[in-house]
Amino acid sequence: MAKVPPPMDLTIRKGEPPARTAIMDNLERPDPGEMQNLNFKVTADFKRDFRIYAATHNLSLVKVLYKAFEVLRAQQG
């Protein structure tokens, strides 16, 4: 039978827990109206078409995304 070493002491491996003062505000949520980054990758063709559509309709990229999402949500129910 194989010899299994005893488990390591977790306090040594993970270190000390953070102080109470360091974790007091870690559950705060941002204001719902606050702008946040939304990062994802798309193909070069889609990016070009998206930007051209926004420019020709005098819209910001964010407004095009919002409008597209509203339409999608309305279709999906």
PDB file of N, CA and C in Angstrom:
ATOM      1  N   MET A   1       0.842  -1.168   0.000  1.00  0.00           N
ATOM      2  CA  MET A   1       0.000   0.000   0.000  1.00  0.00           C
ATOM      3  C   MET A   1       0.898   1.245   0.000  1.00  0.00           C
ATOM      4  N   ALA A   2       0.490   2.299  -0.753  1.00  0.00           N
ATOM      5  CA  ALA A   2       1.280   3.523  -0.867  1.00  0.00           C
ATOM      6  C   ALA A   2       1.189   4.338   0.409  1.00  0.00           C
ATOM      7  N   LYS A   3       2.296   4.964   0.745  1.00  0.00           N
ATOM      8  CA  LYS A   3       2.312   5.833   1.913  1.00  0.00           C
ATOM      9  C   LYS A   3       1.896   7.240   1.493  1.00  0.00           C
ATOM     10  N   VAL A   4       0.843   7.749   2.099  1.00  0.00           N
ATOM     11  CA  VAL A   4       0.327   9.083   1.786  1.00  0.00           C
ATOM     12  C   VAL A   4       0.800  10.027   2.874  1.00  0.00           C
ATOM     13  N   PRO A   5       1.441  11.158   2.482  1.00  0.00           N
ATOM     14  CA  PRO A   5       1.907  12.098   3.506  1.00  0.00           C
ATOM     15  C   PRO A   5       0.721  12.781   4.187  1.00  0.00           C
ATOM     16  N   PRO A   6       0.886  13.197   5.433  1.00  0.00           N
ATOM     17  CA  PRO A   6      -0.211  13.881   6.127  1.00  0.00           C
ATOM     18  C   PRO A   6      -0.517  15.217   5.440  1.00  0.00           C
ATOM     19  N   PRO A   7      -1.750  15.698   5.545  1.00  0.00           N
ATOM     20  CA  PRO A   7      -2.110  16.966   4.890  1.00  0.00           C
ATOM     21  C   PRO A   7      -1.346  18.130   5.498  1.00  0.00           C
ATOM     22  N   MET A   8      -1.080  19.122   4.629  1.00  0.00           N
ATOM     23  CA  MET A   8      -0.372  20.320   5.097  1.00  0.00           C
ATOM     24  C   MET A   8      -1.288  21.149   5.986  1.00  0.00           C
ATOM     25  N   ASP A   9      -0.700  21.940   6.852  1.00  0.00           N
ATOM     26  CA  ASP A   9      -1.453  22.866   7.682  1.00  0.00           C
ATOM     27  C   ASP A   9      -1.937  24.004   6.777  1.00  0.00           C
ATOM     28  N   LEU A  10      -3.256  24.204   6.649  1.00  0.00           N
ATOM     29  CA  LEU A  10      -3.799  25.192   5.731  1.00  0.00           C
ATOM     30  C   LEU A  10      -3.426  26.618   6.091  1.00  0.00           C
ATOM     31  N   THR A  11      -3.185  26.906   7.355  1.00  0.00           N
ATOM     32  CA  THR A  11      -2.816  28.265   7.734  1.00  0.00           C
ATOM     33  C   THR A  11      -1.443  28.613   7.196  1.00  0.00           C
ATOM     34  N   ILE A  12      -0.577  27.638   7.049  1.00  0.00           N
ATOM     35  CA  ILE A  12       0.748  27.893   6.487  1.00  0.00           C
ATOM     36  C   ILE A  12       0.632  28.126   4.988  1.00  0.00           C
ATOM     37  N   ARG A  13      -0.166  27.341   4.306  1.00  0.00           N
ATOM     38  CA  ARG A  13      -0.272  27.427   2.853  1.00  0.00           C
ATOM     39  C   ARG A  13      -1.042  28.662   2.401  1.00  0.00           C
ATOM     40  N   LYS A  14      -2.100  29.026   3.098  1.00  0.00           N
ATOM     41  CA  LYS A  14      -2.954  30.123   2.654  1.00  0.00           C
ATOM     42  C   LYS A  14      -2.656  31.443   3.340  1.00  0.00           C
ATOM     43  N   GLY A  15      -1.921  31.437   4.395  1.00  0.00           N
ATOM     44  CA  GLY A  15      -1.628  32.678   5.098  1.00  0.00           C
ATOM     45  C   GLY A  15      -2.736  33.066   6.057  1.00  0.00           C
ATOM     46  N   GLU A  16      -2.560  34.187   6.690  1.00  0.00           N
ATOM     47  CA  GLU A  16      -3.519  34.676   7.672  1.00  0.00           C
ATOM     48  C   GLU A  16      -4.732  35.281   6.966  1.00  0.00           C
ATOM     49  N   PRO A  17      -5.913  35.185   7.560  1.00  0.00           N
ATOM     50  CA  PRO A  17      -7.088  35.821   6.951  1.00  0.00           C
ATOM     51  C   PRO A  17      -6.959  37.342   7.026  1.00  0.00           C
ATOM     52  N   PRO A  18      -7.649  38.077   6.129  1.00  0.00           N
ATOM     53  CA  PRO A  18      -7.569  39.538   6.158  1.00  0.00           C
ATOM     54  C   PRO A  18      -8.206  40.101   7.428  1.00  0.00           C
ATOM     55  N   ALA A  19      -7.755  41.280   7.793  1.00  0.00           N
ATOM     56  CA  ALA A  19      -8.311  41.943   8.981  1.00  0.00           C
ATOM     57  C   ALA A  19      -9.761  42.337   8.706  1.00  0.00           C
ATOM     58  N   ARG A  20     -10.563  42.469   9.757  1.00  0.00           N
ATOM     59  CA  ARG A  20     -11.974  42.837   9.599  1.00  0.00           C
ATOM     60  C   ARG A  20     -12.131  44.168   8.873  1.00  0.00           C
ATOM     61  N   THR A  21     -11.252  45.104   9.145  1.00  0.00           N
ATOM     62  CA  THR A  21     -11.367  46.422   8.502  1.00  0.00           C
ATOM     63  C   THR A  21     -11.110  46.336   7.000  1.00  0.00           C
ATOM     64  N   ALA A  22     -10.382  45.334   6.545  1.00  0.00           N
ATOM     65  CA  ALA A  22     -10.076  45.195   5.124  1.00  0.00           C
ATOM     66  C   ALA A  22     -11.247  44.612   4.342  1.00  0.00           C
ATOM     67  N   ILE A  23     -12.188  43.981   5.022  1.00  0.00           N
ATOM     68  CA  ILE A  23     -13.294  43.332   4.308  1.00  0.00           C
ATOM     69  C   ILE A  23     -14.648  43.981   4.570  1.00  0.00           C
ATOM     70  N   MET A  24     -14.687  45.107   5.223  1.00  0.00           N
ATOM     71  CA  MET A  24     -15.956  45.737   5.581  1.00  0.00           C
ATOM     72  C   MET A  24     -16.772  46.153   4.350  1.00  0.00           C
ATOM     73  N   ASP A  25     -16.127  46.630   3.285  1.00  0.00           N
ATOM     74  CA  ASP A  25     -16.853  47.165   2.136  1.00  0.00           C
ATOM     75  C   ASP A  25     -16.709  46.294   0.895  1.00  0.00           C
ATOM     76  N   ASN A  26     -16.395  45.022   1.038  1.00  0.00           N
ATOM     77  CA  ASN A  26     -16.162  44.191  -0.140  1.00  0.00           C
ATOM     78  C   ASN A  26     -17.446  43.720  -0.813  1.00  0.00           C
ATOM     79  N   LEU A  27     -18.605  43.996  -0.242  1.00  0.00           N
ATOM     80  CA  LEU A  27     -19.862  43.571  -0.850  1.00  0.00           C
ATOM     81  C   LEU A  27     -20.666  44.733  -1.419  1.00  0.00           C
ATOM     82  N   GLU A  28     -20.080  45.927  -1.467  1.00  0.00           N
ATOM     83  CA  GLU A  28     -20.789  47.073  -2.021  1.00  0.00           C
ATOM     84  C   GLU A  28     -20.952  46.891  -3.520  1.00  0.00           C
ATOM     85  N   ARG A  29     -22.115  47.258  -4.017  1.00  0.00           N
ATOM     86  CA  ARG A  29     -22.386  47.154  -5.444  1.00  0.00           C
ATOM     87  C   ARG A  29     -22.317  48.545  -6.063  1.00  0.00           C
ATOM     88  N   PRO A  30     -21.918  48.612  -7.335  1.00  0.00           N
ATOM     89  CA  PRO A  30     -21.880  49.924  -7.974  1.00  0.00           C
ATOM     90  C   PRO A  30     -23.292  50.467  -8.200  1.00  0.00           C
ATOM     91  N   ASP A  31     -23.390  51.765  -8.348  1.00  0.00           N
ATOM     92  CA  ASP A  31     -24.659  52.420  -8.648  1.00  0.00           C
ATOM     93  C   ASP A  31     -25.192  51.868  -9.967  1.00  0.00           C
ATOM     94  N   PRO A  32     -26.479  51.497 -10.050  1.00  0.00           N
ATOM     95  CA  PRO A  32     -27.014  50.916 -11.276  1.00  0.00           C
ATOM     96  C   PRO A  32     -26.846  51.808 -12.506  1.00  0.00           C
ATOM     97  N   GLY A  33     -26.803  53.115 -12.329  1.00  0.00           N
ATOM     98  CA  GLY A  33     -26.632  54.025 -13.456  1.00  0.00           C
ATOM     99  C   GLY A  33     -25.189  54.289 -13.819  1.00  0.00           C
ATOM    100  N   GLU A  34     -24.261  53.773 -13.037  1.00  0.00           N
ATOM    101  CA  GLU A  34     -22.834  54.013 -13.271  1.00  0.00           C
ATOM    102  C   GLU A  34     -22.350  53.224 -14.483  1.00  0.00           C
ATOM    103  N   MET A  35     -21.569  53.877 -15.335  1.00  0.00           N
ATOM    104  CA  MET A  35     -21.043  53.225 -16.525  1.00  0.00           C
ATOM    105  C   MET A  35     -19.943  52.239 -16.130  1.00  0.00           C
ATOM    106  N   GLN A  36     -19.956  51.060 -16.765  1.00  0.00           N
ATOM    107  CA  GLN A  36     -18.975  50.018 -16.500  1.00  0.00           C
ATOM    108  C   GLN A  36     -18.462  49.487 -17.831  1.00  0.00           C
ATOM    109  N   ASN A  37     -17.288  48.890 -17.821  1.00  0.00           N
ATOM    110  CA  ASN A  37     -16.737  48.294 -19.029  1.00  0.00           C
ATOM    111  C   ASN A  37     -17.445  46.984 -19.343  1.00  0.00           C
ATOM    112  N   LEU A  38     -17.602  46.721 -20.646  1.00  0.00           N
ATOM    113  CA  LEU A  38     -18.154  45.461 -21.119  1.00  0.00           C
ATOM    114  C   LEU A  38     -17.200  44.995 -22.209  1.00  0.00           C
ATOM    115  N   ASN A  39     -16.384  44.024 -21.893  1.00  0.00           N
ATOM    116  CA  ASN A  39     -15.338  43.596 -22.817  1.00  0.00           C
ATOM    117  C   ASN A  39     -15.629  42.232 -23.402  1.00  0.00           C
ATOM    118  N   PHE A  40     -15.632  42.167 -24.735  1.00  0.00           N
ATOM    119  CA  PHE A  40     -15.756  40.897 -25.427  1.00  0.00           C
ATOM    120  C   PHE A  40     -15.172  41.072 -26.817  1.00  0.00           C
ATOM    121  N   LYS A  41     -14.869  39.973 -27.460  1.00  0.00           N
ATOM    122  CA  LYS A  41     -14.250  40.014 -28.777  1.00  0.00           C
ATOM    123  C   LYS A  41     -15.267  39.692 -29.857  1.00  0.00           C
ATOM    124  N   VAL A  42     -15.131  40.390 -30.985  1.00  0.00           N
ATOM    125  CA  VAL A  42     -15.953  40.150 -32.162  1.00  0.00           C
ATOM    126  C   VAL A  42     -15.022  40.080 -33.365  1.00  0.00           C
ATOM    127  N   THR A  43     -15.551  39.607 -34.491  1.00  0.00           N
ATOM    128  CA  THR A  43     -14.722  39.547 -35.700  1.00  0.00           C
ATOM    129  C   THR A  43     -14.464  40.957 -36.214  1.00  0.00           C
ATOM    130  N   ALA A  44     -13.437  41.094 -37.011  1.00  0.00           N
ATOM    131  CA  ALA A  44     -13.084  42.392 -37.587  1.00  0.00           C
ATOM    132  C   ALA A  44     -14.203  42.908 -38.491  1.00  0.00           C
ATOM    133  N   ASP A  45     -14.831  42.002 -39.244  1.00  0.00           N
ATOM    134  CA  ASP A  45     -15.925  42.403 -40.132  1.00  0.00           C
ATOM    135  C   ASP A  45     -17.113  42.946 -39.334  1.00  0.00           C
ATOM    136  N   PHE A  46     -17.473  42.248 -38.253  1.00  0.00           N
ATOM    137  CA  PHE A  46     -18.583  42.704 -37.431  1.00  0.00           C
ATOM    138  C   PHE A  46     -18.269  44.060 -36.818  1.00  0.00           C
ATOM    139  N   LYS A  47     -17.063  44.242 -36.317  1.00  0.00           N
ATOM    140  CA  LYS A  47     -16.664  45.503 -35.700  1.00  0.00           C
ATOM    141  C   LYS A  47     -16.779  46.641 -36.702  1.00  0.00           C
ATOM    142  N   ARG A  48     -16.291  46.410 -37.922  1.00  0.00           N
ATOM    143  CA  ARG A  48     -16.346  47.441 -38.956  1.00  0.00           C
ATOM    144  C   ARG A  48     -17.802  47.787 -39.284  1.00  0.00           C
ATOM    145  N   ASP A  49     -18.636  46.767 -39.477  1.00  0.00           N
ATOM    146  CA  ASP A  49     -20.046  47.000 -39.803  1.00  0.00           C
ATOM    147  C   ASP A  49     -20.774  47.719 -38.667  1.00  0.00           C
ATOM    148  N   PHE A  50     -20.471  47.348 -37.444  1.00  0.00           N
ATOM    149  CA  PHE A  50     -21.090  47.965 -36.265  1.00  0.00           C
ATOM    150  C   PHE A  50     -20.741  49.446 -36.200  1.00  0.00           C
ATOM    151  N   ARG A  51     -19.463  49.756 -36.396  1.00  0.00           N
ATOM    152  CA  ARG A  51     -19.005  51.144 -36.338  1.00  0.00           C
ATOM    153  C   ARG A  51     -19.570  51.966 -37.497  1.00  0.00           C
ATOM    154  N   ILE A  52     -19.633  51.373 -38.679  1.00  0.00           N
ATOM    155  CA  ILE A  52     -20.190  52.081 -39.841  1.00  0.00           C
ATOM    156  C   ILE A  52     -21.665  52.381 -39.616  1.00  0.00           C
ATOM    157  N   TYR A  53     -22.411  51.403 -39.101  1.00  0.00           N
ATOM    158  CA  TYR A  53     -23.830  51.615 -38.817  1.00  0.00           C
ATOM    159  C   TYR A  53     -24.010  52.764 -37.832  1.00  0.00           C
ATOM    160  N   ALA A  54     -23.236  52.754 -36.767  1.00  0.00           N
ATOM    161  CA  ALA A  54     -23.353  53.806 -35.752  1.00  0.00           C
ATOM    162  C   ALA A  54     -23.019  55.174 -36.353  1.00  0.00           C
ATOM    163  N   ALA A  55     -21.974  55.237 -37.153  1.00  0.00           N
ATOM    164  CA  ALA A  55     -21.562  56.522 -37.728  1.00  0.00           C
ATOM    165  C   ALA A  55     -22.590  57.037 -38.737  1.00  0.00           C
ATOM    166  N   THR A  56     -23.121  56.163 -39.576  1.00  0.00           N
ATOM    167  CA  THR A  56     -24.072  56.614 -40.595  1.00  0.00           C
ATOM    168  C   THR A  56     -25.414  57.031 -39.990  1.00  0.00           C
ATOM    169  N   HIS A  57     -25.732  56.508 -38.817  1.00  0.00           N
ATOM    170  CA  HIS A  57     -26.984  56.882 -38.149  1.00  0.00           C
ATOM    171  C   HIS A  57     -26.757  57.895 -37.027  1.00  0.00           C
ATOM    172  N   ASN A  58     -25.548  58.435 -36.966  1.00  0.00           N
ATOM    173  CA  ASN A  58     -25.180  59.458 -35.984  1.00  0.00           C
ATOM    174  C   ASN A  58     -25.488  58.996 -34.553  1.00  0.00           C
ATOM    175  N   LEU A  59     -25.109  57.747 -34.248  1.00  0.00           N
ATOM    176  CA  LEU A  59     -25.306  57.168 -32.922  1.00  0.00           C
ATOM    177  C   LEU A  59     -23.970  56.773 -32.326  1.00  0.00           C
ATOM    178  N   SER A  60     -23.902  56.759 -31.003  1.00  0.00           N
ATOM    179  CA  SER A  60     -22.702  56.227 -30.350  1.00  0.00           C
ATOM    180  C   SER A  60     -22.769  54.696 -30.394  1.00  0.00           C
ATOM    181  N   LEU A  61     -21.638  54.068 -30.229  1.00  0.00           N
ATOM    182  CA  LEU A  61     -21.605  52.606 -30.217  1.00  0.00           C
ATOM    183  C   LEU A  61     -22.444  52.054 -29.073  1.00  0.00           C
ATOM    184  N   VAL A  62     -22.442  52.749 -27.957  1.00  0.00           N
ATOM    185  CA  VAL A  62     -23.220  52.308 -26.793  1.00  0.00           C
ATOM    186  C   VAL A  62     -24.713  52.368 -27.103  1.00  0.00           C
ATOM    187  N   LYS A  63     -25.148  53.440 -27.768  1.00  0.00           N
ATOM    188  CA  LYS A  63     -26.572  53.555 -28.094  1.00  0.00           C
ATOM    189  C   LYS A  63     -27.008  52.467 -29.069  1.00  0.00           C
ATOM    190  N   VAL A  64     -26.149  52.124 -30.019  1.00  0.00           N
ATOM    191  CA  VAL A  64     -26.483  51.036 -30.945  1.00  0.00           C
ATOM    192  C   VAL A  64     -26.625  49.726 -30.170  1.00  0.00           C
ATOM    193  N   LEU A  65     -25.716  49.471 -29.251  1.00  0.00           N
ATOM    194  CA  LEU A  65     -25.789  48.249 -28.444  1.00  0.00           C
ATOM    195  C   LEU A  65     -27.062  48.229 -27.599  1.00  0.00           C
ATOM    196  N   TYR A  66     -27.384  49.352 -26.952  1.00  0.00           N
ATOM    197  CA  TYR A  66     -28.606  49.425 -26.148  1.00  0.00           C
ATOM    198  C   TYR A  66     -29.847  49.147 -26.999  1.00  0.00           C
ATOM    199  N   LYS A  67     -29.934  49.801 -28.162  1.00  0.00           N
ATOM    200  CA  LYS A  67     -31.105  49.609 -29.032  1.00  0.00           C
ATOM    201  C   LYS A  67     -31.203  48.167 -29.514  1.00  0.00           C
ATOM    202  N   ALA A  68     -30.075  47.585 -29.890  1.00  0.00           N
ATOM    203  CA  ALA A  68     -30.081  46.188 -30.351  1.00  0.00           C
ATOM    204  C   ALA A  68     -30.537  45.259 -29.229  1.00  0.00           C
ATOM    205  N   PHE A  69     -30.092  45.514 -28.025  1.00  0.00           N
ATOM    206  CA  PHE A  69     -30.490  44.673 -26.893  1.00  0.00           C
ATOM    207  C   PHE A  69     -31.975  44.821 -26.585  1.00  0.00           C
ATOM    208  N   GLU A  70     -32.489  46.065 -26.668  1.00  0.00           N
ATOM    209  CA  GLU A  70     -33.916  46.284 -26.443  1.00  0.00           C
ATOM    210  C   GLU A  70     -34.758  45.503 -27.435  1.00  0.00           C
ATOM    211  N   VAL A  71     -34.361  45.523 -28.720  1.00  0.00           N
ATOM    212  CA  VAL A  71     -35.097  44.798 -29.752  1.00  0.00           C
ATOM    213  C   VAL A  71     -35.029  43.298 -29.488  1.00  0.00           C
ATOM    214  N   LEU A  72     -33.849  42.802 -29.157  1.00  0.00           N
ATOM    215  CA  LEU A  72     -33.686  41.381 -28.869  1.00  0.00           C
ATOM    216  C   LEU A  72     -34.546  40.955 -27.696  1.00  0.00           C
ATOM    217  N   ARG A  73     -34.540  41.751 -26.634  1.00  0.00           N
ATOM    218  CA  ARG A  73     -35.331  41.433 -25.458  1.00  0.00           C
ATOM    219  C   ARG A  73     -36.825  41.446 -25.761  1.00  0.00           C
ATOM    220  N   ALA A  74     -37.267  42.384 -26.591  1.00  0.00           N
ATOM    221  CA  ALA A  74     -38.676  42.461 -26.967  1.00  0.00           C
ATOM    222  C   ALA A  74     -39.086  41.234 -27.798  1.00  0.00           C
ATOM    223  N   GLN A  75     -38.208  40.771 -28.661  1.00  0.00           N
ATOM    224  CA  GLN A  75     -38.501  39.597 -29.474  1.00  0.00           C
ATOM    225  C   GLN A  75     -38.538  38.320 -28.636  1.00  0.00           C
ATOM    226  N   GLN A  76     -37.622  38.220 -27.688  1.00  0.00           N
ATOM    227  CA  GLN A  76     -37.510  37.021 -26.872  1.00  0.00           C
ATOM    228  C   GLN A  76     -38.616  36.925 -25.822  1.00  0.00           C
ATOM    229  N   GLY A  77     -39.120  38.067 -25.407  1.00  0.00           N
ATOM    230  CA  GLY A  77     -40.212  38.063 -24.432  1.00  0.00           C
ATOM    231  C   GLY A  77     -39.776  38.165 -23.072  1.00  0.00           C
TER     232      GLY A  77
END
